[in-house]
Amino acid sequence: MQTLAVLVRVAFEVLNWLIIARILISWFPHDPNHPIMRFIYEITEPVLAPFRRIMPRTTMPIDFSPIIAVLVLQLVEHLLINFIMRLG
Protein backbone atom coordinates (compact mmCIF):
# COMPACT_ATOMS: atom_id res chain seq x y z
CA MET A 1 0.00 0.00 0.00
CA GLN A 2 2.87 2.36 0.63
CA THR A 3 3.87 2.13 -3.04
CA LEU A 4 0.35 3.16 -4.04
CA ALA A 5 0.52 6.11 -1.65
CA VAL A 6 3.82 7.21 -3.21
CA LEU A 7 2.34 6.95 -6.71
CA VAL A 8 -0.66 9.04 -5.67
CA ARG A 9 1.63 11.62 -4.08
CA VAL A 10 3.80 11.83 -7.22
CA ALA A 11 0.74 12.15 -9.48
CA PHE A 12 -0.64 15.03 -7.43
CA GLU A 13 2.79 16.66 -7.28
CA VAL A 14 3.12 16.52 -11.08
CA LEU A 15 -0.36 17.98 -11.50
CA ASN A 16 0.44 20.81 -9.09
CA TRP A 17 3.63 21.63 -11.01
CA LEU A 18 1.77 21.59 -14.31
CA ILE A 19 -0.76 24.07 -12.89
CA ILE A 20 2.09 26.30 -11.71
CA ALA A 21 3.71 26.03 -15.15
CA ARG A 22 0.42 27.06 -16.74
CA ILE A 23 0.23 30.09 -14.48
CA LEU A 24 3.76 31.13 -15.41
CA ILE A 25 3.17 30.50 -19.11
CA SER A 26 0.11 32.76 -19.04
CA TRP A 27 2.31 35.73 -18.18
CA PHE A 28 4.30 35.52 -21.42
CA PRO A 29 3.43 35.34 -25.09
CA HIS A 30 3.49 31.73 -26.24
CA ASP A 31 2.34 29.50 -29.04
CA PRO A 32 -0.69 27.56 -27.74
CA ASN A 33 -0.22 25.02 -30.53
CA HIS A 34 3.26 24.02 -29.40
CA PRO A 35 3.18 20.35 -28.28
CA ILE A 36 4.40 21.14 -24.76
CA MET A 37 1.85 23.94 -24.33
CA ARG A 38 -0.95 21.72 -25.65
CA PHE A 39 0.09 18.97 -23.22
CA ILE A 40 0.03 21.36 -20.25
CA TYR A 41 -3.35 22.78 -21.26
CA GLU A 42 -4.89 19.36 -21.95
CA ILE A 43 -3.81 18.02 -18.55
CA THR A 44 -4.74 21.07 -16.47
CA GLU A 45 -7.93 22.29 -18.17
CA PRO A 46 -10.15 19.46 -16.87
CA VAL A 47 -9.02 20.38 -13.35
CA LEU A 48 -9.28 24.16 -13.72
CA ALA A 49 -12.51 24.45 -15.75
CA PRO A 50 -14.91 23.43 -12.93
CA PHE A 51 -13.34 26.01 -10.61
CA ARG A 52 -13.69 28.72 -13.26
CA ARG A 53 -17.38 27.90 -13.62
CA ILE A 54 -18.12 28.20 -9.90
CA MET A 55 -15.93 31.24 -9.20
CA PRO A 56 -17.64 34.62 -9.57
CA ARG A 57 -16.42 36.87 -12.36
CA THR A 58 -14.56 39.92 -11.10
CA THR A 59 -13.45 43.10 -12.80
CA MET A 60 -9.84 42.18 -12.11
CA PRO A 61 -8.09 40.30 -14.91
CA ILE A 62 -6.71 37.72 -12.46
CA ASP A 63 -7.83 34.10 -12.59
CA PHE A 64 -7.91 32.70 -9.07
CA SER A 65 -9.07 29.24 -10.16
CA PRO A 66 -5.51 27.77 -10.19
CA ILE A 67 -5.00 28.80 -6.57
CA ILE A 68 -8.29 27.25 -5.48
CA ALA A 69 -7.59 24.15 -7.58
CA VAL A 70 -4.18 23.63 -5.98
CA LEU A 71 -5.66 23.96 -2.49
CA VAL A 72 -8.46 21.50 -3.26
CA LEU A 73 -5.99 19.09 -4.89
CA GLN A 74 -3.84 19.19 -1.76
CA LEU A 75 -6.88 18.39 0.37
CA VAL A 76 -7.94 15.53 -1.90
CA GLU A 77 -4.37 14.18 -1.95
CA HIS A 78 -4.20 14.24 1.85
CA LEU A 79 -7.56 12.48 2.21
CA LEU A 80 -6.71 9.89 -0.43
CA ILE A 81 -3.32 9.06 1.06
CA ASN A 82 -4.85 8.76 4.54
CA PHE A 83 -7.46 6.39 3.12
CA ILE A 84 -4.80 4.29 1.35
CA MET A 85 -2.64 4.08 4.47
CA ARG A 86 -5.63 2.92 6.57
CA LEU A 87 -6.29 0.12 4.11
CA GLY A 88 -2.76 -1.19 4.42
PDB file of N, CA and C in Angstrom:
ATOM      1  N   MET A   1       0.810  -1.196   0.000  1.00  0.00           N
ATOM      2  CA  MET A   1       0.000   0.000   0.000  1.00  0.00           C
ATOM      3  C   MET A   1       0.854   1.261   0.000  1.00  0.00           C
ATOM      4  N   GLN A   2       2.021   1.175   0.570  1.00  0.00           N
ATOM      5  CA  GLN A   2       2.866   2.356   0.628  1.00  0.00           C
ATOM      6  C   GLN A   2       3.296   2.785  -0.769  1.00  0.00           C
ATOM      7  N   THR A   3       3.507   1.807  -1.668  1.00  0.00           N
ATOM      8  CA  THR A   3       3.869   2.126  -3.045  1.00  0.00           C
ATOM      9  C   THR A   3       2.736   2.880  -3.729  1.00  0.00           C
ATOM     10  N   LEU A   4       1.501   2.474  -3.475  1.00  0.00           N
ATOM     11  CA  LEU A   4       0.347   3.160  -4.044  1.00  0.00           C
ATOM     12  C   LEU A   4       0.264   4.595  -3.523  1.00  0.00           C
ATOM     13  N   ALA A   5       0.537   4.774  -2.236  1.00  0.00           N
ATOM     14  CA  ALA A   5       0.516   6.114  -1.649  1.00  0.00           C
ATOM     15  C   ALA A   5       1.581   6.996  -2.292  1.00  0.00           C
ATOM     16  N   VAL A   6       2.749   6.440  -2.555  1.00  0.00           N
ATOM     17  CA  VAL A   6       3.823   7.208  -3.207  1.00  0.00           C
ATOM     18  C   VAL A   6       3.410   7.584  -4.627  1.00  0.00           C
ATOM     19  N   LEU A   7       2.792   6.656  -5.349  1.00  0.00           N
ATOM     20  CA  LEU A   7       2.338   6.946  -6.712  1.00  0.00           C
ATOM     21  C   LEU A   7       1.280   8.053  -6.723  1.00  0.00           C
ATOM     22  N   VAL A   8       0.373   7.999  -5.776  1.00  0.00           N
ATOM     23  CA  VAL A   8      -0.657   9.039  -5.667  1.00  0.00           C
ATOM     24  C   VAL A   8      -0.002  10.379  -5.364  1.00  0.00           C
ATOM     25  N   ARG A   9       0.932  10.382  -4.444  1.00  0.00           N
ATOM     26  CA  ARG A   9       1.631  11.617  -4.077  1.00  0.00           C
ATOM     27  C   ARG A   9       2.368  12.205  -5.285  1.00  0.00           C
ATOM     28  N   VAL A  10       3.056  11.364  -6.042  1.00  0.00           N
ATOM     29  CA  VAL A  10       3.797  11.826  -7.221  1.00  0.00           C
ATOM     30  C   VAL A  10       2.829  12.376  -8.269  1.00  0.00           C
ATOM     31  N   ALA A  11       1.713  11.692  -8.487  1.00  0.00           N
ATOM     32  CA  ALA A  11       0.737  12.151  -9.478  1.00  0.00           C
ATOM     33  C   ALA A  11       0.193  13.529  -9.119  1.00  0.00           C
ATOM     34  N   PHE A  12      -0.140  13.734  -7.857  1.00  0.00           N
ATOM     35  CA  PHE A  12      -0.641  15.034  -7.429  1.00  0.00           C
ATOM     36  C   PHE A  12       0.450  16.103  -7.513  1.00  0.00           C
ATOM     37  N   GLU A  13       1.669  15.728  -7.191  1.00  0.00           N
ATOM     38  CA  GLU A  13       2.792  16.665  -7.280  1.00  0.00           C
ATOM     39  C   GLU A  13       3.000  17.121  -8.722  1.00  0.00           C
ATOM     40  N   VAL A  14       2.962  16.181  -9.655  1.00  0.00           N
ATOM     41  CA  VAL A  14       3.119  16.519 -11.079  1.00  0.00           C
ATOM     42  C   VAL A  14       1.990  17.449 -11.522  1.00  0.00           C
ATOM     43  N   LEU A  15       0.771  17.134 -11.126  1.00  0.00           N
ATOM     44  CA  LEU A  15      -0.363  17.979 -11.499  1.00  0.00           C
ATOM     45  C   LEU A  15      -0.222  19.383 -10.924  1.00  0.00           C
ATOM     46  N   ASN A  16       0.213  19.484  -9.687  1.00  0.00           N
ATOM     47  CA  ASN A  16       0.439  20.810  -9.092  1.00  0.00           C
ATOM     48  C   ASN A  16       1.492  21.596  -9.865  1.00  0.00           C
ATOM     49  N   TRP A  17       2.584  20.943 -10.253  1.00  0.00           N
ATOM     50  CA  TRP A  17       3.634  21.630 -11.007  1.00  0.00           C
ATOM     51  C   TRP A  17       3.148  22.032 -12.399  1.00  0.00           C
ATOM     52  N   LEU A  18       2.314  21.221 -13.006  1.00  0.00           N
ATOM     53  CA  LEU A  18       1.767  21.590 -14.309  1.00  0.00           C
ATOM     54  C   LEU A  18       0.845  22.807 -14.197  1.00  0.00           C
ATOM     55  N   ILE A  19       0.086  22.892 -13.124  1.00  0.00           N
ATOM     56  CA  ILE A  19      -0.760  24.073 -12.895  1.00  0.00           C
ATOM     57  C   ILE A  19       0.111  25.301 -12.689  1.00  0.00           C
ATOM     58  N   ILE A  20       1.173  25.171 -11.918  1.00  0.00           N
ATOM     59  CA  ILE A  20       2.094  26.296 -11.710  1.00  0.00           C
ATOM     60  C   ILE A  20       2.742  26.702 -13.033  1.00  0.00           C
ATOM     61  N   ALA A  21       3.131  25.721 -13.839  1.00  0.00           N
ATOM     62  CA  ALA A  21       3.708  26.029 -15.149  1.00  0.00           C
ATOM     63  C   ALA A  21       2.700  26.777 -16.009  1.00  0.00           C
ATOM     64  N   ARG A  22       1.450  26.365 -15.956  1.00  0.00           N
ATOM     65  CA  ARG A  22       0.421  27.056 -16.742  1.00  0.00           C
ATOM     66  C   ARG A  22       0.250  28.491 -16.285  1.00  0.00           C
ATOM     67  N   ILE A  23       0.314  28.718 -15.000  1.00  0.00           N
ATOM     68  CA  ILE A  23       0.225  30.092 -14.480  1.00  0.00           C
ATOM     69  C   ILE A  23       1.380  30.928 -15.035  1.00  0.00           C
ATOM     70  N   LEU A  24       2.587  30.396 -14.927  1.00  0.00           N
ATOM     71  CA  LEU A  24       3.764  31.134 -15.410  1.00  0.00           C
ATOM     72  C   LEU A  24       3.710  31.363 -16.921  1.00  0.00           C
ATOM     73  N   ILE A  25       3.270  30.375 -17.652  1.00  0.00           N
ATOM     74  CA  ILE A  25       3.167  30.502 -19.107  1.00  0.00           C
ATOM     75  C   ILE A  25       2.190  31.617 -19.478  1.00  0.00           C
ATOM     76  N   SER A  26       1.135  31.763 -18.709  1.00  0.00           N
ATOM     77  CA  SER A  26       0.115  32.759 -19.042  1.00  0.00           C
ATOM     78  C   SER A  26       0.644  34.188 -18.964  1.00  0.00           C
ATOM     79  N   TRP A  27       1.754  34.391 -18.301  1.00  0.00           N
ATOM     80  CA  TRP A  27       2.313  35.730 -18.179  1.00  0.00           C
ATOM     81  C   TRP A  27       3.116  36.170 -19.398  1.00  0.00           C
ATOM     82  N   PHE A  28       3.439  35.236 -20.279  1.00  0.00           N
ATOM     83  CA  PHE A  28       4.298  35.525 -21.417  1.00  0.00           C
ATOM     84  C   PHE A  28       3.608  35.118 -22.720  1.00  0.00           C
ATOM     85  N   PRO A  29       3.968  35.796 -23.799  1.00  0.00           N
ATOM     86  CA  PRO A  29       3.431  35.343 -25.091  1.00  0.00           C
ATOM     87  C   PRO A  29       3.962  33.942 -25.406  1.00  0.00           C
ATOM     88  N   HIS A  30       3.091  33.099 -25.918  1.00  0.00           N
ATOM     89  CA  HIS A  30       3.488  31.733 -26.238  1.00  0.00           C
ATOM     90  C   HIS A  30       2.609  31.199 -27.361  1.00  0.00           C
ATOM     91  N   ASP A  31       3.076  30.154 -27.974  1.00  0.00           N
ATOM     92  CA  ASP A  31       2.335  29.496 -29.044  1.00  0.00           C
ATOM     93  C   ASP A  31       1.481  28.392 -28.422  1.00  0.00           C
ATOM     94  N   PRO A  32       0.157  28.570 -28.370  1.00  0.00           N
ATOM     95  CA  PRO A  32      -0.687  27.558 -27.741  1.00  0.00           C
ATOM     96  C   PRO A  32      -0.724  26.238 -28.516  1.00  0.00           C
ATOM     97  N   ASN A  33      -0.230  26.239 -29.733  1.00  0.00           N
ATOM     98  CA  ASN A  33      -0.221  25.018 -30.529  1.00  0.00           C
ATOM     99  C   ASN A  33       1.069  24.218 -30.388  1.00  0.00           C
ATOM    100  N   HIS A  34       2.019  24.751 -29.649  1.00  0.00           N
ATOM    101  CA  HIS A  34       3.263  24.020 -29.403  1.00  0.00           C
ATOM    102  C   HIS A  34       2.916  22.754 -28.618  1.00  0.00           C
ATOM    103  N   PRO A  35       3.535  21.617 -28.957  1.00  0.00           N
ATOM    104  CA  PRO A  35       3.177  20.348 -28.282  1.00  0.00           C
ATOM    105  C   PRO A  35       3.278  20.396 -26.758  1.00  0.00           C
ATOM    106  N   ILE A  36       4.267  21.068 -26.228  1.00  0.00           N
ATOM    107  CA  ILE A  36       4.401  21.141 -24.762  1.00  0.00           C
ATOM    108  C   ILE A  36       3.265  21.969 -24.169  1.00  0.00           C
ATOM    109  N   MET A  37       2.941  23.081 -24.818  1.00  0.00           N
ATOM    110  CA  MET A  37       1.853  23.937 -24.327  1.00  0.00           C
ATOM    111  C   MET A  37       0.521  23.187 -24.405  1.00  0.00           C
ATOM    112  N   ARG A  38       0.292  22.485 -25.505  1.00  0.00           N
ATOM    113  CA  ARG A  38      -0.952  21.717 -25.646  1.00  0.00           C
ATOM    114  C   ARG A  38      -1.049  20.653 -24.562  1.00  0.00           C
ATOM    115  N   PHE A  39       0.080  19.989 -24.273  1.00  0.00           N
ATOM    116  CA  PHE A  39       0.095  18.972 -23.219  1.00  0.00           C
ATOM    117  C   PHE A  39      -0.295  19.587 -21.877  1.00  0.00           C
ATOM    118  N   ILE A  40       0.321  20.707 -21.535  1.00  0.00           N
ATOM    119  CA  ILE A  40       0.029  21.364 -20.250  1.00  0.00           C
ATOM    120  C   ILE A  40      -1.445  21.760 -20.183  1.00  0.00           C
ATOM    121  N   TYR A  41      -1.958  22.354 -21.254  1.00  0.00           N
ATOM    122  CA  TYR A  41      -3.352  22.783 -21.264  1.00  0.00           C
ATOM    123  C   TYR A  41      -4.311  21.592 -21.209  1.00  0.00           C
ATOM    124  N   GLU A  42      -4.009  20.526 -21.938  1.00  0.00           N
ATOM    125  CA  GLU A  42      -4.895  19.360 -21.952  1.00  0.00           C
ATOM    126  C   GLU A  42      -4.939  18.648 -20.602  1.00  0.00           C
ATOM    127  N   ILE A  43      -3.844  18.672 -19.862  1.00  0.00           N
ATOM    128  CA  ILE A  43      -3.810  18.022 -18.547  1.00  0.00           C
ATOM    129  C   ILE A  43      -4.479  18.898 -17.484  1.00  0.00           C
ATOM    130  N   THR A  44      -4.253  20.206 -17.536  1.00  0.00           N
ATOM    131  CA  THR A  44      -4.741  21.074 -16.467  1.00  0.00           C
ATOM    132  C   THR A  44      -6.151  21.601 -16.680  1.00  0.00           C
ATOM    133  N   GLU A  45      -6.599  21.710 -17.923  1.00  0.00           N
ATOM    134  CA  GLU A  45      -7.930  22.294 -18.169  1.00  0.00           C
ATOM    135  C   GLU A  45      -9.064  21.511 -17.518  1.00  0.00           C
ATOM    136  N   PRO A  46      -9.064  20.179 -17.559  1.00  0.00           N
ATOM    137  CA  PRO A  46     -10.150  19.459 -16.870  1.00  0.00           C
ATOM    138  C   PRO A  46     -10.189  19.715 -15.363  1.00  0.00           C
ATOM    139  N   VAL A  47      -9.069  20.068 -14.785  1.00  0.00           N
ATOM    140  CA  VAL A  47      -9.024  20.377 -13.352  1.00  0.00           C
ATOM    141  C   VAL A  47      -9.459  21.819 -13.105  1.00  0.00           C
ATOM    142  N   LEU A  48      -9.012  22.739 -13.941  1.00  0.00           N
ATOM    143  CA  LEU A  48      -9.284  24.161 -13.715  1.00  0.00           C
ATOM    144  C   LEU A  48     -10.683  24.603 -14.154  1.00  0.00           C
ATOM    145  N   ALA A  49     -11.224  24.005 -15.196  1.00  0.00           N
ATOM    146  CA  ALA A  49     -12.514  24.448 -15.751  1.00  0.00           C
ATOM    147  C   ALA A  49     -13.652  24.446 -14.731  1.00  0.00           C
ATOM    148  N   PRO A  50     -13.805  23.397 -13.912  1.00  0.00           N
ATOM    149  CA  PRO A  50     -14.906  23.434 -12.929  1.00  0.00           C
ATOM    150  C   PRO A  50     -14.764  24.578 -11.919  1.00  0.00           C
ATOM    151  N   PHE A  51     -13.544  24.909 -11.558  1.00  0.00           N
ATOM    152  CA  PHE A  51     -13.339  26.010 -10.610  1.00  0.00           C
ATOM    153  C   PHE A  51     -13.644  27.357 -11.259  1.00  0.00           C
ATOM    154  N   ARG A  52     -13.352  27.489 -12.541  1.00  0.00           N
ATOM    155  CA  ARG A  52     -13.687  28.724 -13.258  1.00  0.00           C
ATOM    156  C   ARG A  52     -15.202  28.913 -13.345  1.00  0.00           C
ATOM    157  N   ARG A  53     -15.920  27.794 -13.508  1.00  0.00           N
ATOM    158  CA  ARG A  53     -17.380  27.896 -13.621  1.00  0.00           C
ATOM    159  C   ARG A  53     -18.027  28.322 -12.304  1.00  0.00           C
ATOM    160  N   ILE A  54     -17.475  27.879 -11.181  1.00  0.00           N
ATOM    161  CA  ILE A  54     -18.117  28.201  -9.903  1.00  0.00           C
ATOM    162  C   ILE A  54     -17.613  29.501  -9.287  1.00  0.00           C
ATOM    163  N   MET A  55     -16.478  29.999  -9.769  1.00  0.00           N
ATOM    164  CA  MET A  55     -15.934  31.239  -9.203  1.00  0.00           C
ATOM    165  C   MET A  55     -16.640  32.436  -9.828  1.00  0.00           C
ATOM    166  N   PRO A  56     -16.982  33.432  -9.008  1.00  0.00           N
ATOM    167  CA  PRO A  56     -17.644  34.617  -9.571  1.00  0.00           C
ATOM    168  C   PRO A  56     -16.675  35.422 -10.448  1.00  0.00           C
ATOM    169  N   ARG A  57     -17.220  35.998 -11.487  1.00  0.00           N
ATOM    170  CA  ARG A  57     -16.421  36.873 -12.360  1.00  0.00           C
ATOM    171  C   ARG A  57     -16.150  38.178 -11.621  1.00  0.00           C
ATOM    172  N   THR A  58     -14.914  38.646 -11.713  1.00  0.00           N
ATOM    173  CA  THR A  58     -14.555  39.920 -11.103  1.00  0.00           C
ATOM    174  C   THR A  58     -14.077  40.864 -12.189  1.00  0.00           C
ATOM    175  N   THR A  59     -13.944  42.112 -11.832  1.00  0.00           N
ATOM    176  CA  THR A  59     -13.450  43.097 -12.798  1.00  0.00           C
ATOM    177  C   THR A  59     -11.933  43.019 -12.949  1.00  0.00           C
ATOM    178  N   MET A  60     -11.291  42.327 -12.016  1.00  0.00           N
ATOM    179  CA  MET A  60      -9.841  42.181 -12.108  1.00  0.00           C
ATOM    180  C   MET A  60      -9.508  41.094 -13.121  1.00  0.00           C
ATOM    181  N   PRO A  61      -8.443  41.295 -13.891  1.00  0.00           N
ATOM    182  CA  PRO A  61      -8.085  40.296 -14.905  1.00  0.00           C
ATOM    183  C   PRO A  61      -7.249  39.134 -14.355  1.00  0.00           C
ATOM    184  N   ILE A  62      -7.482  38.793 -13.098  1.00  0.00           N
ATOM    185  CA  ILE A  62      -6.711  37.724 -12.462  1.00  0.00           C
ATOM    186  C   ILE A  62      -7.609  36.501 -12.300  1.00  0.00           C
ATOM    187  N   ASP A  63      -7.100  35.354 -12.710  1.00  0.00           N
ATOM    188  CA  ASP A  63      -7.828  34.097 -12.594  1.00  0.00           C
ATOM    189  C   ASP A  63      -7.359  33.397 -11.320  1.00  0.00           C
ATOM    190  N   PHE A  64      -8.250  33.326 -10.346  1.00  0.00           N
ATOM    191  CA  PHE A  64      -7.914  32.705  -9.073  1.00  0.00           C
ATOM    192  C   PHE A  64      -8.177  31.200  -9.060  1.00  0.00           C
ATOM    193  N   SER A  65      -8.731  30.668 -10.138  1.00  0.00           N
ATOM    194  CA  SER A  65      -9.067  29.243 -10.157  1.00  0.00           C
ATOM    195  C   SER A  65      -7.853  28.331  -9.954  1.00  0.00           C
ATOM    196  N   PRO A  66      -6.650  28.660 -10.466  1.00  0.00           N
ATOM    197  CA  PRO A  66      -5.514  27.773 -10.186  1.00  0.00           C
ATOM    198  C   PRO A  66      -5.168  27.691  -8.697  1.00  0.00           C
ATOM    199  N   ILE A  67      -5.318  28.793  -7.998  1.00  0.00           N
ATOM    200  CA  ILE A  67      -5.003  28.797  -6.566  1.00  0.00           C
ATOM    201  C   ILE A  67      -5.992  27.903  -5.816  1.00  0.00           C
ATOM    202  N   ILE A  68      -7.264  28.070  -6.124  1.00  0.00           N
ATOM    203  CA  ILE A  68      -8.290  27.252  -5.477  1.00  0.00           C
ATOM    204  C   ILE A  68      -8.099  25.778  -5.850  1.00  0.00           C
ATOM    205  N   ALA A  69      -7.793  25.529  -7.124  1.00  0.00           N
ATOM    206  CA  ALA A  69      -7.592  24.149  -7.581  1.00  0.00           C
ATOM    207  C   ALA A  69      -6.436  23.485  -6.839  1.00  0.00           C
ATOM    208  N   VAL A  70      -5.342  24.196  -6.681  1.00  0.00           N
ATOM    209  CA  VAL A  70      -4.178  23.626  -5.978  1.00  0.00           C
ATOM    210  C   VAL A  70      -4.542  23.317  -4.520  1.00  0.00           C
ATOM    211  N   LEU A  71      -5.262  24.207  -3.886  1.00  0.00           N
ATOM    212  CA  LEU A  71      -5.661  23.964  -2.491  1.00  0.00           C
ATOM    213  C   LEU A  71      -6.586  22.751  -2.385  1.00  0.00           C
ATOM    214  N   VAL A  72      -7.543  22.653  -3.283  1.00  0.00           N
ATOM    215  CA  VAL A  72      -8.455  21.504  -3.262  1.00  0.00           C
ATOM    216  C   VAL A  72      -7.709  20.216  -3.589  1.00  0.00           C
ATOM    217  N   LEU A  73      -6.790  20.276  -4.555  1.00  0.00           N
ATOM    218  CA  LEU A  73      -5.994  19.085  -4.894  1.00  0.00           C
ATOM    219  C   LEU A  73      -5.164  18.627  -3.704  1.00  0.00           C
ATOM    220  N   GLN A  74      -4.613  19.560  -2.944  1.00  0.00           N
ATOM    221  CA  GLN A  74      -3.841  19.186  -1.764  1.00  0.00           C
ATOM    222  C   GLN A  74      -4.726  18.511  -0.723  1.00  0.00           C
ATOM    223  N   LEU A  75      -5.936  19.008  -0.568  1.00  0.00           N
ATOM    224  CA  LEU A  75      -6.879  18.394   0.372  1.00  0.00           C
ATOM    225  C   LEU A  75      -7.256  16.985  -0.089  1.00  0.00           C
ATOM    226  N   VAL A  76      -7.578  16.839  -1.365  1.00  0.00           N
ATOM    227  CA  VAL A  76      -7.939  15.526  -1.904  1.00  0.00           C
ATOM    228  C   VAL A  76      -6.766  14.554  -1.776  1.00  0.00           C
ATOM    229  N   GLU A  77      -5.562  15.032  -2.077  1.00  0.00           N
ATOM    230  CA  GLU A  77      -4.373  14.181  -1.945  1.00  0.00           C
ATOM    231  C   GLU A  77      -4.222  13.690  -0.511  1.00  0.00           C
ATOM    232  N   HIS A  78      -4.345  14.594   0.431  1.00  0.00           N
ATOM    233  CA  HIS A  78      -4.204  14.242   1.851  1.00  0.00           C
ATOM    234  C   HIS A  78      -5.250  13.197   2.255  1.00  0.00           C
ATOM    235  N   LEU A  79      -6.497  13.423   1.864  1.00  0.00           N
ATOM    236  CA  LEU A  79      -7.559  12.479   2.210  1.00  0.00           C
ATOM    237  C   LEU A  79      -7.338  11.124   1.545  1.00  0.00           C
ATOM    238  N   LEU A  80      -6.931  11.136   0.299  1.00  0.00           N
ATOM    239  CA  LEU A  80      -6.715   9.889  -0.435  1.00  0.00           C
ATOM    240  C   LEU A  80      -5.551   9.087   0.149  1.00  0.00           C
ATOM    241  N   ILE A  81      -4.472   9.759   0.481  1.00  0.00           N
ATOM    242  CA  ILE A  81      -3.322   9.062   1.063  1.00  0.00           C
ATOM    243  C   ILE A  81      -3.670   8.508   2.442  1.00  0.00           C
ATOM    244  N   ASN A  82      -4.412   9.279   3.232  1.00  0.00           N
ATOM    245  CA  ASN A  82      -4.846   8.755   4.541  1.00  0.00           C
ATOM    246  C   ASN A  82      -5.719   7.519   4.372  1.00  0.00           C
ATOM    247  N   PHE A  83      -6.605   7.539   3.385  1.00  0.00           N
ATOM    248  CA  PHE A  83      -7.459   6.386   3.123  1.00  0.00           C
ATOM    249  C   PHE A  83      -6.622   5.176   2.705  1.00  0.00           C
ATOM    250  N   ILE A  84      -5.660   5.384   1.824  1.00  0.00           N
ATOM    251  CA  ILE A  84      -4.802   4.288   1.354  1.00  0.00           C
ATOM    252  C   ILE A  84      -3.996   3.701   2.514  1.00  0.00           C
ATOM    253  N   MET A  85      -3.469   4.563   3.363  1.00  0.00           N
ATOM    254  CA  MET A  85      -2.645   4.083   4.473  1.00  0.00           C
ATOM    255  C   MET A  85      -3.495   3.305   5.489  1.00  0.00           C
ATOM    256  N   ARG A  86      -4.766   3.671   5.649  1.00  0.00           N
ATOM    257  CA  ARG A  86      -5.625   2.922   6.572  1.00  0.00           C
ATOM    258  C   ARG A  86      -5.973   1.537   6.028  1.00  0.00           C
ATOM    259  N   LEU A  87      -6.001   1.425   4.699  1.00  0.00           N
ATOM    260  CA  LEU A  87      -6.288   0.123   4.107  1.00  0.00           C
ATOM    261  C   LEU A  87      -5.140  -0.857   4.327  1.00  0.00           C
ATOM    262  N   GLY A  88      -3.921  -0.317   4.339  1.00  0.00           N
ATOM    263  CA  GLY A  88      -2.763  -1.193   4.424  1.00  0.00           C
ATOM    264  C   GLY A  88      -2.238  -1.342   5.741  1.00  0.00           C
TER     265      GLY A  88
END
